[in-house]
C-alpha atoms as a PDB file:
ATOM      1  CA  UNK A   1      98.725  27.809 114.720  1.00  0.00           C
ATOM      2  CA  UNK A   2     100.908  24.994 116.405  1.00  0.00           C
ATOM      3  CA  UNK A   3     101.737  21.639 114.729  1.00  0.00           C
ATOM      4  CA  UNK A   4     102.339  19.185 117.563  1.00  0.00           C
ATOM      5  CA  UNK A   5     102.200  15.506 117.862  1.00  0.00           C
ATOM      6  CA  UNK A   6      99.455  14.167 120.134  1.00  0.00           C
ATOM      7  CA  UNK A   7     101.365  10.795 120.950  1.00  0.00           C
ATOM      8  CA  UNK A   8     104.991  11.197 121.155  1.00  0.00           C
ATOM      9  CA  UNK A   9     105.108   7.348 120.453  1.00  0.00           C
ATOM     10  CA  UNK A  10     103.753   7.821 117.425  1.00  0.00           C
ATOM     11  CA  UNK A  11     105.351  10.636 116.388  1.00  0.00           C
ATOM     12  CA  UNK A  12     105.223  12.416 113.118  1.00  0.00           C
ATOM     13  CA  UNK A  13     102.031  10.241 112.392  1.00  0.00           C
ATOM     14  CA  UNK A  14     100.175  11.821 115.105  1.00  0.00           C
ATOM     15  CA  UNK A  15     100.891  15.420 114.147  1.00  0.00           C
ATOM     16  CA  UNK A  16      97.962  17.730 114.355  1.00  0.00           C
ATOM     17  CA  UNK A  17      97.192  21.315 113.931  1.00  0.00           C
ATOM     18  CA  UNK A  18      96.187  23.246 117.016  1.00  0.00           C
ATOM     19  CA  UNK A  19      95.035  27.048 117.575  1.00  0.00           C
ATOM     20  CA  UNK A  20      96.935  28.412 120.483  1.00  0.00           C
ATOM     21  CA  UNK A  21      95.267  31.649 121.471  1.00  0.00           C
ATOM     22  CA  UNK A  22      97.387  34.628 123.002  1.00  0.00           C
ATOM     23  CA  UNK A  23      96.759  34.968 126.762  1.00  0.00           C
ATOM     24  CA  UNK A  24      96.667  30.902 126.989  1.00  0.00           C
ATOM     25  CA  UNK A  25      98.619  29.742 130.190  1.00  0.00           C
ATOM     26  CA  UNK A  26     102.012  28.762 129.149  1.00  0.00           C
ATOM     27  CA  UNK A  27     102.134  30.441 126.215  1.00  0.00           C
ATOM     28  CA  UNK A  28     105.060  33.143 126.342  1.00  0.00           C
ATOM     29  CA  UNK A  29     106.072  35.774 123.853  1.00  0.00           C
ATOM     30  CA  UNK A  30     110.025  35.795 123.939  1.00  0.00           C
ATOM     31  CA  UNK A  31     110.875  38.652 121.566  1.00  0.00           C
ATOM     32  CA  UNK A  32     110.077  40.221 118.394  1.00  0.00           C
ATOM     33  CA  UNK A  33     112.503  39.907 115.674  1.00  0.00           C
ATOM     34  CA  UNK A  34     114.400  42.680 113.970  1.00  0.00           C
ATOM     35  CA  UNK A  35     114.761  41.745 110.232  1.00  0.00           C
ATOM     36  CA  UNK A  36     116.405  42.533 106.841  1.00  0.00           C
ATOM     37  CA  UNK A  37     112.981  43.075 105.196  1.00  0.00           C
ATOM     38  CA  UNK A  38     109.267  42.695 105.578  1.00  0.00           C
ATOM     39  CA  UNK A  39     109.513  44.734 108.647  1.00  0.00           C
ATOM     40  CA  UNK A  40     105.674  45.767 108.520  1.00  0.00           C
ATOM     41  CA  UNK A  41     105.084  42.119 109.401  1.00  0.00           C
ATOM     42  CA  UNK A  42     105.991  41.202 112.767  1.00  0.00           C
ATOM     43  CA  UNK A  43     107.753  37.925 113.173  1.00  0.00           C
ATOM     44  CA  UNK A  44     108.061  36.489 116.865  1.00  0.00           C
ATOM     45  CA  UNK A  45     109.683  33.815 119.014  1.00  0.00           C
ATOM     46  CA  UNK A  46     107.551  32.243 121.329  1.00  0.00           C
ATOM     47  CA  UNK A  47     107.754  29.540 123.786  1.00  0.00           C
ATOM     48  CA  UNK A  48     105.297  27.042 125.143  1.00  0.00           C
ATOM     49  CA  UNK A  49     105.883  25.955 128.747  1.00  0.00           C
ATOM     50  CA  UNK A  50     103.421  23.448 130.347  1.00  0.00           C
ATOM     51  CA  UNK A  51     100.683  25.325 127.715  1.00  0.00           C
ATOM     52  CA  UNK A  52      97.478  23.080 127.793  1.00  0.00           C
ATOM     53  CA  UNK A  53      95.151  23.790 124.771  1.00  0.00           C
ATOM     54  CA  UNK A  54      91.357  23.203 125.104  1.00  0.00           C
ATOM     55  CA  UNK A  55      90.101  20.212 123.119  1.00  0.00           C
ATOM     56  CA  UNK A  56      87.942  22.516 121.048  1.00  0.00           C
ATOM     57  CA  UNK A  57      91.153  24.425 119.636  1.00  0.00           C
ATOM     58  CA  UNK A  58      92.038  21.137 117.722  1.00  0.00           C
ATOM     59  CA  UNK A  59      91.555  21.592 113.979  1.00  0.00           C
ATOM     60  CA  UNK A  60      90.309  18.640 112.052  1.00  0.00           C
ATOM     61  CA  UNK A  61      89.811  14.795 113.181  1.00  0.00           C
ATOM     62  CA  UNK A  62      91.308  14.066 116.403  1.00  0.00           C
ATOM     63  CA  UNK A  63      91.730  10.401 115.716  1.00  0.00           C
ATOM     64  CA  UNK A  64      95.262   9.100 115.070  1.00  0.00           C
ATOM     65  CA  UNK A  65      95.421   6.381 112.583  1.00  0.00           C
ATOM     66  CA  UNK A  66      99.119   5.572 112.083  1.00  0.00           C
ATOM     67  CA  UNK A  67      98.387   2.944 109.483  1.00  0.00           C
ATOM     68  CA  UNK A  68      97.276   5.758 107.002  1.00  0.00           C
ATOM     69  CA  UNK A  69      99.231   8.440 108.247  1.00  0.00           C
ATOM     70  CA  UNK A  70     100.070   9.349 104.463  1.00  0.00           C
ATOM     71  CA  UNK A  71      96.892  11.274 104.164  1.00  0.00           C
ATOM     72  CA  UNK A  72      97.263  12.870 107.776  1.00  0.00           C
ATOM     73  CA  UNK A  73      99.633  13.625 110.359  1.00  0.00           C
ATOM     74  CA  UNK A  74     103.049  15.209 109.163  1.00  0.00           C
ATOM     75  CA  UNK A  75     102.400  14.024 105.602  1.00  0.00           C
ATOM     76  CA  UNK A  76      98.986  15.897 105.544  1.00  0.00           C
ATOM     77  CA  UNK A  77     100.423  18.882 107.075  1.00  0.00           C
ATOM     78  CA  UNK A  78     103.010  19.004 104.338  1.00  0.00           C
ATOM     79  CA  UNK A  79     100.320  18.773 101.804  1.00  0.00           C
ATOM     80  CA  UNK A  80      98.856  22.175 102.985  1.00  0.00           C
ATOM     81  CA  UNK A  81     101.821  23.762 101.498  1.00  0.00           C
ATOM     82  CA  UNK A  82     100.756  22.732  98.070  1.00  0.00           C
ATOM     83  CA  UNK A  83      98.004  25.363  98.575  1.00  0.00           C
ATOM     84  CA  UNK A  84     100.037  28.091 100.317  1.00  0.00           C
ATOM     85  CA  UNK A  85     103.231  28.164  98.159  1.00  0.00           C
ATOM     86  CA  UNK A  86     101.362  29.376  95.057  1.00  0.00           C
ATOM     87  CA  UNK A  87     100.191  32.457  96.882  1.00  0.00           C
ATOM     88  CA  UNK A  88     103.679  33.257  98.080  1.00  0.00           C
ATOM     89  CA  UNK A  89     104.967  32.696  94.597  1.00  0.00           C
ATOM     90  CA  UNK A  90     102.057  35.365  93.517  1.00  0.00           C
ATOM     91  CA  UNK A  91     103.511  37.711  95.956  1.00  0.00           C
ATOM     92  CA  UNK A  92     107.008  37.269  94.405  1.00  0.00           C
ATOM     93  CA  UNK A  93     105.528  37.820  90.876  1.00  0.00           C
ATOM     94  CA  UNK A  94     103.824  41.123  92.174  1.00  0.00           C
ATOM     95  CA  UNK A  95     106.889  42.343  93.985  1.00  0.00           C
ATOM     96  CA  UNK A  96     108.830  41.596  90.849  1.00  0.00           C
ATOM     97  CA  UNK A  97     106.163  43.406  88.566  1.00  0.00           C
ATOM     98  CA  UNK A  98     106.632  46.539  90.973  1.00  0.00           C
ATOM     99  CA  UNK A  99     110.413  46.600  90.659  1.00  0.00           C
ATOM    100  CA  UNK A 100     110.152  46.343  86.636  1.00  0.00           C
ATOM    101  CA  UNK A 101     107.542  49.239  86.531  1.00  0.00           C
ATOM    102  CA  UNK A 102     109.677  51.469  88.965  1.00  0.00           C
ATOM    103  CA  UNK A 103     113.004  50.860  87.289  1.00  0.00           C
ATOM    104  CA  UNK A 104     111.028  51.852  83.828  1.00  0.00           C
ATOM    105  CA  UNK A 105     109.814  54.999  85.462  1.00  0.00           C
ATOM    106  CA  UNK A 106     113.273  55.964  86.544  1.00  0.00           C
ATOM    107  CA  UNK A 107     115.114  54.832  83.345  1.00  0.00           C
ATOM    108  CA  UNK A 108     112.724  56.820  81.328  1.00  0.00           C
ATOM    109  CA  UNK A 109     113.502  60.077  83.528  1.00  0.00           C
ATOM    110  CA  UNK A 110     117.196  59.470  82.718  1.00  0.00           C
ATOM    111  CA  UNK A 111     116.619  59.099  78.997  1.00  0.00           C
ATOM    112  CA  UNK A 112     116.505  55.674  78.579  1.00  0.00           C
ATOM    113  CA  UNK A 113     113.154  54.347  76.860  1.00  0.00           C
ATOM    114  CA  UNK A 114     112.344  50.683  76.347  1.00  0.00           C
ATOM    115  CA  UNK A 115     110.975  49.662  73.058  1.00  0.00           C
ATOM    116  CA  UNK A 116     109.133  46.601  72.757  1.00  0.00           C
ATOM    117  CA  UNK A 117     109.013  46.857  69.077  1.00  0.00           C
ATOM    118  CA  UNK A 118     112.911  46.658  68.486  1.00  0.00           C
ATOM    119  CA  UNK A 119     115.145  43.907  69.158  1.00  0.00           C
ATOM    120  CA  UNK A 120     117.169  43.986  72.533  1.00  0.00           C
ATOM    121  CA  UNK A 121     120.446  44.390  70.688  1.00  0.00           C
ATOM    122  CA  UNK A 122     119.394  47.633  68.754  1.00  0.00           C
ATOM    123  CA  UNK A 123     118.674  49.329  71.988  1.00  0.00           C
ATOM    124  CA  UNK A 124     120.630  51.015  74.971  1.00  0.00           C
ATOM    125  CA  UNK A 125     122.076  48.272  77.401  1.00  0.00           C
ATOM    126  CA  UNK A 126     119.953  49.143  80.220  1.00  0.00           C
ATOM    127  CA  UNK A 127     116.899  48.985  78.082  1.00  0.00           C
ATOM    128  CA  UNK A 128     118.024  45.366  76.678  1.00  0.00           C
ATOM    129  CA  UNK A 129     118.387  44.071  80.057  1.00  0.00           C
ATOM    130  CA  UNK A 130     115.053  45.200  81.443  1.00  0.00           C
ATOM    131  CA  UNK A 131     113.625  43.258  78.411  1.00  0.00           C
ATOM    132  CA  UNK A 132     115.295  40.154  79.830  1.00  0.00           C
ATOM    133  CA  UNK A 133     113.955  40.826  83.189  1.00  0.00           C
ATOM    134  CA  UNK A 134     110.155  41.246  81.823  1.00  0.00           C
ATOM    135  CA  UNK A 135     110.736  37.978  79.999  1.00  0.00           C
ATOM    136  CA  UNK A 136     111.741  36.413  83.581  1.00  0.00           C
ATOM    137  CA  UNK A 137     108.743  37.924  84.987  1.00  0.00           C
ATOM    138  CA  UNK A 138     106.256  36.538  82.177  1.00  0.00           C
ATOM    139  CA  UNK A 139     107.684  33.018  82.731  1.00  0.00           C
ATOM    140  CA  UNK A 140     107.187  33.192  86.627  1.00  0.00           C
ATOM    141  CA  UNK A 141     103.720  34.608  86.372  1.00  0.00           C
ATOM    142  CA  UNK A 142     102.594  31.837  84.110  1.00  0.00           C
ATOM    143  CA  UNK A 143     103.975  29.393  86.385  1.00  0.00           C
ATOM    144  CA  UNK A 144     102.379  30.705  89.111  1.00  0.00           C
ATOM    145  CA  UNK A 145      99.148  30.778  87.546  1.00  0.00           C
ATOM    146  CA  UNK A 146      99.238  27.502  86.564  1.00  0.00           C
ATOM    147  CA  UNK A 147      99.994  26.012  90.121  1.00  0.00           C
ATOM    148  CA  UNK A 148      97.178  28.249  91.391  1.00  0.00           C
ATOM    149  CA  UNK A 149      94.685  26.748  88.949  1.00  0.00           C
ATOM    150  CA  UNK A 150      95.675  23.340  89.813  1.00  0.00           C
ATOM    151  CA  UNK A 151      95.063  23.958  93.473  1.00  0.00           C
ATOM    152  CA  UNK A 152      91.751  25.656  92.636  1.00  0.00           C
ATOM    153  CA  UNK A 153      90.620  22.849  90.766  1.00  0.00           C
ATOM    154  CA  UNK A 154      92.008  20.189  93.539  1.00  0.00           C
ATOM    155  CA  UNK A 155      94.317  18.622  90.842  1.00  0.00           C
ATOM    156  CA  UNK A 156      97.748  17.353  92.496  1.00  0.00           C
ATOM    157  CA  UNK A 157     100.186  20.205  92.031  1.00  0.00           C
ATOM    158  CA  UNK A 158     103.223  19.684  94.406  1.00  0.00           C
ATOM    159  CA  UNK A 159     105.457  19.927  91.435  1.00  0.00           C
ATOM    160  CA  UNK A 160     104.030  22.917  89.954  1.00  0.00           C
ATOM    161  CA  UNK A 161     103.888  24.585  93.454  1.00  0.00           C
ATOM    162  CA  UNK A 162     107.525  24.155  93.956  1.00  0.00           C
ATOM    163  CA  UNK A 163     108.325  25.132  90.644  1.00  0.00           C
ATOM    164  CA  UNK A 164     106.624  28.228  91.114  1.00  0.00           C
ATOM    165  CA  UNK A 165     108.197  28.860  94.651  1.00  0.00           C
ATOM    166  CA  UNK A 166     111.611  27.788  93.772  1.00  0.00           C
ATOM    167  CA  UNK A 167     112.198  30.279  90.912  1.00  0.00           C
ATOM    168  CA  UNK A 168     114.847  32.930  91.906  1.00  0.00           C
ATOM    169  CA  UNK A 169     113.133  35.420  89.432  1.00  0.00           C
ATOM    170  CA  UNK A 170     111.821  37.833  92.053  1.00  0.00           C
ATOM    171  CA  UNK A 171     115.359  38.111  94.028  1.00  0.00           C
ATOM    172  CA  UNK A 172     117.226  38.334  90.767  1.00  0.00           C
ATOM    173  CA  UNK A 173     114.803  40.947  89.213  1.00  0.00           C
ATOM    174  CA  UNK A 174     114.711  43.034  92.306  1.00  0.00           C
ATOM    175  CA  UNK A 175     118.509  43.067  92.777  1.00  0.00           C
ATOM    176  CA  UNK A 176     119.068  43.974  89.214  1.00  0.00           C
ATOM    177  CA  UNK A 177     116.597  46.723  89.129  1.00  0.00           C
ATOM    178  CA  UNK A 178     118.775  48.026  92.095  1.00  0.00           C
ATOM    179  CA  UNK A 179     121.791  47.680  89.640  1.00  0.00           C
ATOM    180  CA  UNK A 180     120.204  49.275  86.569  1.00  0.00           C
ATOM    181  CA  UNK A 181     119.127  52.286  88.687  1.00  0.00           C
ATOM    182  CA  UNK A 182     122.230  52.778  90.496  1.00  0.00           C
ATOM    183  CA  UNK A 183     122.266  55.210  93.557  1.00  0.00           C
ATOM    184  CA  UNK A 184     118.527  55.852  92.925  1.00  0.00           C
ATOM    185  CA  UNK A 185     117.937  52.108  93.319  1.00  0.00           C
ATOM    186  CA  UNK A 186     120.058  52.230  96.168  1.00  0.00           C
ATOM    187  CA  UNK A 187     119.037  54.918  98.012  1.00  0.00           C
ATOM    188  CA  UNK A 188     116.517  54.677 100.853  1.00  0.00           C
ATOM    189  CA  UNK A 189     114.103  57.786  99.071  1.00  0.00           C
ATOM    190  CA  UNK A 190     113.297  55.040  96.406  1.00  0.00           C
ATOM    191  CA  UNK A 191     111.158  51.642  96.868  1.00  0.00           C
ATOM    192  CA  UNK A 192     113.520  49.322  95.083  1.00  0.00           C
ATOM    193  CA  UNK A 193     115.929  49.394  97.865  1.00  0.00           C
ATOM    194  CA  UNK A 194     112.973  48.273 100.124  1.00  0.00           C
ATOM    195  CA  UNK A 195     111.879  45.576  97.675  1.00  0.00           C
ATOM    196  CA  UNK A 196     114.928  44.388  97.252  1.00  0.00           C
ATOM    197  CA  UNK A 197     115.436  43.398 100.769  1.00  0.00           C
ATOM    198  CA  UNK A 198     111.890  42.052 100.965  1.00  0.00           C
ATOM    199  CA  UNK A 199     112.281  39.943  98.138  1.00  0.00           C
ATOM    200  CA  UNK A 200     114.788  37.755 100.176  1.00  0.00           C
ATOM    201  CA  UNK A 201     112.059  36.207 102.361  1.00  0.00           C
ATOM    202  CA  UNK A 202     110.243  35.086  99.579  1.00  0.00           C
ATOM    203  CA  UNK A 203     113.136  32.762  98.769  1.00  0.00           C
ATOM    204  CA  UNK A 204     112.907  31.487 102.296  1.00  0.00           C
ATOM    205  CA  UNK A 205     109.431  31.252 104.017  1.00  0.00           C
ATOM    206  CA  UNK A 206     106.874  28.323 102.988  1.00  0.00           C
ATOM    207  CA  UNK A 207     110.074  25.857 102.218  1.00  0.00           C
ATOM    208  CA  UNK A 208     113.332  27.367 101.061  1.00  0.00           C
ATOM    209  CA  UNK A 209     114.536  27.064  97.520  1.00  0.00           C
ATOM    210  CA  UNK A 210     116.771  24.109  98.331  1.00  0.00           C
ATOM    211  CA  UNK A 211     113.732  22.259  99.578  1.00  0.00           C
ATOM    212  CA  UNK A 212     111.878  22.972  96.522  1.00  0.00           C
ATOM    213  CA  UNK A 213     114.498  21.479  94.525  1.00  0.00           C
ATOM    214  CA  UNK A 214     114.344  18.494  96.513  1.00  0.00           C
ATOM    215  CA  UNK A 215     110.490  18.441  96.058  1.00  0.00           C
ATOM    216  CA  UNK A 216     110.785  18.960  92.469  1.00  0.00           C
ATOM    217  CA  UNK A 217     113.630  16.267  92.003  1.00  0.00           C
ATOM    218  CA  UNK A 218     111.304  13.420  93.731  1.00  0.00           C
ATOM    219  CA  UNK A 219     108.409  14.278  91.591  1.00  0.00           C
ATOM    220  CA  UNK A 220     110.452  14.230  88.397  1.00  0.00           C
ATOM    221  CA  UNK A 221     112.360  11.160  89.141  1.00  0.00           C
ATOM    222  CA  UNK A 222     109.793   9.152  91.486  1.00  0.00           C
ATOM    223  CA  UNK A 223     112.404   8.737  94.157  1.00  0.00           C
ATOM    224  CA  UNK A 224     112.008   9.329  97.945  1.00  0.00           C
ATOM    225  CA  UNK A 225     114.275  11.666 100.144  1.00  0.00           C
ATOM    226  CA  UNK A 226     116.289   8.866 101.328  1.00  0.00           C
ATOM    227  CA  UNK A 227     117.082   7.863  98.002  1.00  0.00           C
ATOM    228  CA  UNK A 228     118.155  11.230  96.864  1.00  0.00           C
ATOM    229  CA  UNK A 229     120.864  11.479  99.378  1.00  0.00           C
END
């Protein structure tokens, strides 16, 4: 799927979504990227050179209405992220949970038991740290569920979607779990090392954390991007 303007004079107001299928004349796959994480998912660079896309591959209404571009064009494209950011946040929540469960298993093998009925200060340092990570995980999970529920109910959720996506709980939990497990967490024979690498992308795609903080500030303060510079 490619987002492109249908009218250079109209610029962003004329941006539409197009399906460009592999094999379309002018569509060129340049290379597959070698990445830090999510290696099971291909990321590729491609080029469009004199690429003509059939009219039926246009998604949505072909009419360009510059006067009401707030509901379409670039603004409409950006609004789609309100629905795609909660699933990315859910991926982060799932990865964080996997890291915590694997760390619990490895710590238990090392003789460290986490007791949820005792205060953190009365337990071993590793167990106390894991309790903190579990609290961060629960907060991220609940925020993600709120953003997803609002999307399902067609409620404005730009603030909540960005808050769920902006949280660094996933990256922080993954790296801390590697640290807690020492050589077992750092070695490639355990999944924690892989998950720590995979976690980094969840802070990048669907809008970096910095972009999310800008959106959150705009929503909370009622200011435009230009006013916040």
